[in-house]
């Protein structure tokens, strides 16, 4: 009987060679069409991974310094993260660690205007009025028709923070739509 070790070594070596040959190869998907990395996108396809004609959203412009100060007791400068077709902003006071965080998801992150399915590992779903839900202190909701958005006020005040976040949703929706 022969040892399986030589066969195993050949399989392992073959896998490593295949992986080395494929390094740097790949595809991206644009409008349902696979495009090899480095190849030009088909005519009329959006570039940069976002939706055609969309731009980053300046979420830090949604609230004035006075509004932020009322929520978290100070008005630190907002720190933005811009996406091709969405964005986030976080205002955080380094003295007390209180913060306000707003996230506007990219187009089609809330398909058909519906929140994603609840993850049961988070415990029972905590529904809020007007199609919103509490996800560990952050309020998830749909805005702009098909964007998954969230807002969180964090001042260690429990339900008061959730209520404050819920109160901000209409303003966020007015900035993004729906």
Protein backbone atom coordinates (compact mmCIF):
# COMPACT_ATOMS: atom_id res chain seq x y z
CA UNK A 1 0.00 0.00 0.00
CA UNK A 2 1.34 3.45 -0.92
CA UNK A 3 1.34 6.41 1.36
CA UNK A 4 -1.23 9.15 0.63
CA UNK A 5 1.42 11.82 1.37
CA UNK A 6 2.78 12.10 -2.23
CA UNK A 7 -0.74 12.49 -3.64
CA UNK A 8 -1.57 15.09 -1.02
CA UNK A 9 1.61 17.01 -1.82
CA UNK A 10 0.77 17.05 -5.54
CA UNK A 11 -2.75 18.34 -4.82
CA UNK A 12 -1.42 21.00 -2.44
CA UNK A 13 1.27 22.09 -4.92
CA UNK A 14 -1.32 22.27 -7.71
CA UNK A 15 -3.58 24.43 -5.53
CA UNK A 16 -0.73 26.79 -4.67
CA UNK A 17 0.30 27.14 -8.34
CA UNK A 18 -3.32 27.83 -9.34
CA UNK A 19 -3.67 30.44 -6.62
CA UNK A 20 -0.42 32.12 -7.67
CA UNK A 21 -1.53 32.24 -11.30
CA UNK A 22 -4.87 33.73 -10.37
CA UNK A 23 -3.44 36.39 -8.05
CA UNK A 24 -4.36 39.78 -9.49
CA UNK A 25 -7.07 38.28 -11.64
CA UNK A 26 -10.66 38.96 -10.85
CA UNK A 27 -13.87 40.49 -12.00
CA UNK A 28 -16.23 43.14 -10.91
CA UNK A 29 -19.93 43.25 -11.60
CA UNK A 30 -21.53 46.28 -13.20
CA UNK A 31 -25.26 46.23 -13.90
CA UNK A 32 -25.23 42.44 -13.74
CA UNK A 33 -22.34 42.09 -16.20
CA UNK A 34 -19.04 40.54 -15.10
CA UNK A 35 -16.08 42.71 -16.11
CA UNK A 36 -12.47 41.51 -15.76
CA UNK A 37 -10.35 43.72 -13.51
CA UNK A 38 -8.53 46.26 -15.66
CA UNK A 39 -11.06 46.05 -18.49
CA UNK A 40 -13.18 49.02 -19.45
CA UNK A 41 -16.79 48.99 -18.32
CA UNK A 42 -19.37 48.66 -21.06
CA UNK A 43 -20.63 51.90 -22.58
CA UNK A 44 -23.28 53.52 -20.42
CA UNK A 45 -22.27 51.60 -17.27
CA UNK A 46 -21.74 53.61 -14.10
CA UNK A 47 -18.17 53.99 -12.93
CA UNK A 48 -16.87 53.84 -9.36
CA UNK A 49 -19.40 51.28 -8.14
CA UNK A 50 -22.19 53.78 -7.45
CA UNK A 51 -25.38 54.39 -9.35
CA UNK A 52 -25.22 56.41 -12.54
CA UNK A 53 -25.44 60.15 -11.88
CA UNK A 54 -25.23 59.78 -8.09
CA UNK A 55 -22.68 61.52 -5.90
CA UNK A 56 -21.53 61.28 -2.30
CA UNK A 57 -23.93 62.80 0.21
CA UNK A 58 -22.55 65.44 2.58
CA UNK A 59 -24.20 64.06 5.71
CA UNK A 60 -22.24 66.47 7.94
CA UNK A 61 -24.26 69.34 6.46
CA UNK A 62 -27.55 67.92 7.80
CA UNK A 63 -27.26 69.47 11.29
CA UNK A 64 -26.10 72.84 12.59
CA UNK A 65 -23.62 73.20 15.43
CA UNK A 66 -26.49 74.32 17.67
CA UNK A 67 -28.51 71.18 16.86
CA UNK A 68 -25.53 68.92 17.56
CA UNK A 69 -24.78 70.74 20.82
CA UNK A 70 -28.37 70.31 21.98
CA UNK A 71 -28.05 66.53 21.45
CA UNK A 72 -24.55 65.77 22.79
CA UNK A 73 -23.71 68.84 24.93
CA UNK A 74 -21.01 70.14 22.56
CA UNK A 75 -20.52 70.85 18.87
CA UNK A 76 -17.42 69.01 17.70
CA UNK A 77 -16.61 69.02 14.01
CA UNK A 78 -18.33 66.18 12.15
CA UNK A 79 -16.12 63.48 10.66
CA UNK A 80 -17.40 62.38 7.26
CA UNK A 81 -17.04 59.14 5.39
CA UNK A 82 -18.18 59.59 1.83
CA UNK A 83 -19.37 56.75 -0.34
CA UNK A 84 -19.84 56.82 -4.12
CA UNK A 85 -23.56 57.13 -3.50
CA UNK A 86 -24.18 57.83 0.19
CA UNK A 87 -22.23 58.87 3.26
CA UNK A 88 -21.85 59.03 7.01
CA UNK A 89 -21.01 61.65 9.59
CA UNK A 90 -20.04 61.27 13.23
CA UNK A 91 -19.87 64.09 15.72
CA UNK A 92 -18.05 62.90 18.85
CA UNK A 93 -17.11 64.84 21.96
CA UNK A 94 -13.76 63.45 23.17
CA UNK A 95 -14.36 64.81 26.68
CA UNK A 96 -17.49 62.83 27.46
CA UNK A 97 -17.56 60.34 24.54
CA UNK A 98 -21.10 61.47 23.61
CA UNK A 99 -21.80 61.24 19.90
CA UNK A 100 -24.25 61.61 17.05
CA UNK A 101 -23.82 59.31 14.06
CA UNK A 102 -25.83 59.46 10.85
CA UNK A 103 -25.44 56.99 7.98
CA UNK A 104 -27.12 57.30 4.60
CA UNK A 105 -26.73 54.05 2.71
CA UNK A 106 -26.15 53.74 -0.99
CA UNK A 107 -29.00 53.39 -3.46
CA UNK A 108 -30.71 49.97 -3.32
CA UNK A 109 -29.50 49.09 0.20
CA UNK A 110 -33.18 48.93 1.20
CA UNK A 111 -34.68 47.04 -1.73
CA UNK A 112 -38.29 48.00 -2.46
CA UNK A 113 -38.18 50.46 0.44
CA UNK A 114 -37.91 47.63 2.98
CA UNK A 115 -35.49 47.20 5.85
CA UNK A 116 -33.26 44.12 5.55
CA UNK A 117 -34.36 40.95 7.30
CA UNK A 118 -33.76 41.05 11.06
CA UNK A 119 -30.80 39.06 12.38
CA UNK A 120 -32.21 36.81 15.14
CA UNK A 121 -28.82 36.72 16.86
CA UNK A 122 -29.61 40.31 17.95
CA UNK A 123 -32.52 39.05 20.03
CA UNK A 124 -36.15 40.02 19.46
CA UNK A 125 -36.75 42.65 16.80
CA UNK A 126 -37.52 46.05 18.33
CA UNK A 127 -39.90 47.81 15.94
CA UNK A 128 -40.48 51.55 16.18
CA UNK A 129 -43.19 53.72 14.58
CA UNK A 130 -43.20 54.55 10.86
CA UNK A 131 -41.24 51.51 9.66
CA UNK A 132 -38.21 52.12 11.88
CA UNK A 133 -36.48 49.77 14.29
CA UNK A 134 -34.05 49.99 17.19
CA UNK A 135 -30.86 48.05 16.58
CA UNK A 136 -28.86 48.27 19.81
CA UNK A 137 -29.53 51.97 20.30
CA UNK A 138 -29.27 53.00 16.66
CA UNK A 139 -32.44 53.67 14.71
CA UNK A 140 -32.63 52.03 11.27
CA UNK A 141 -35.03 53.37 8.66
CA UNK A 142 -35.49 53.76 4.93
CA UNK A 143 -34.89 57.13 3.30
CA UNK A 144 -34.62 58.25 -0.29
CA UNK A 145 -37.02 55.49 -1.25
CA UNK A 146 -34.49 52.66 -1.25
CA UNK A 147 -31.60 53.53 1.06
CA UNK A 148 -30.92 51.85 4.39
CA UNK A 149 -30.18 54.67 6.81
CA UNK A 150 -29.44 54.91 10.51
CA UNK A 151 -29.02 57.50 13.23
CA UNK A 152 -27.69 57.09 16.75
CA UNK A 153 -27.51 59.55 19.61
CA UNK A 154 -25.16 58.18 22.27
CA UNK A 155 -25.20 59.98 25.63
CA UNK A 156 -25.63 56.98 27.94
CA UNK A 157 -29.29 57.90 28.40
CA UNK A 158 -30.85 54.67 27.13
CA UNK A 159 -34.38 55.13 25.82
CA UNK A 160 -33.96 58.92 25.81
CA UNK A 161 -31.17 58.49 23.21
CA UNK A 162 -33.39 56.26 21.05
CA UNK A 163 -36.23 58.79 21.30
CA UNK A 164 -33.86 61.61 20.32
CA UNK A 165 -32.69 59.59 17.29
CA UNK A 166 -36.29 58.88 16.24
CA UNK A 167 -36.98 62.62 16.41
CA UNK A 168 -34.13 63.24 13.92
CA UNK A 169 -35.44 60.86 11.25
CA UNK A 170 -37.87 63.33 9.62
CA UNK A 171 -35.07 65.86 9.13
CA UNK A 172 -32.75 63.23 7.64
CA UNK A 173 -35.52 62.02 5.33
CA UNK A 174 -36.16 65.63 4.23
CA UNK A 175 -32.48 65.96 3.25
CA UNK A 176 -32.33 62.64 1.38
CA UNK A 177 -35.93 62.16 0.37
CA UNK A 178 -38.72 59.81 1.49
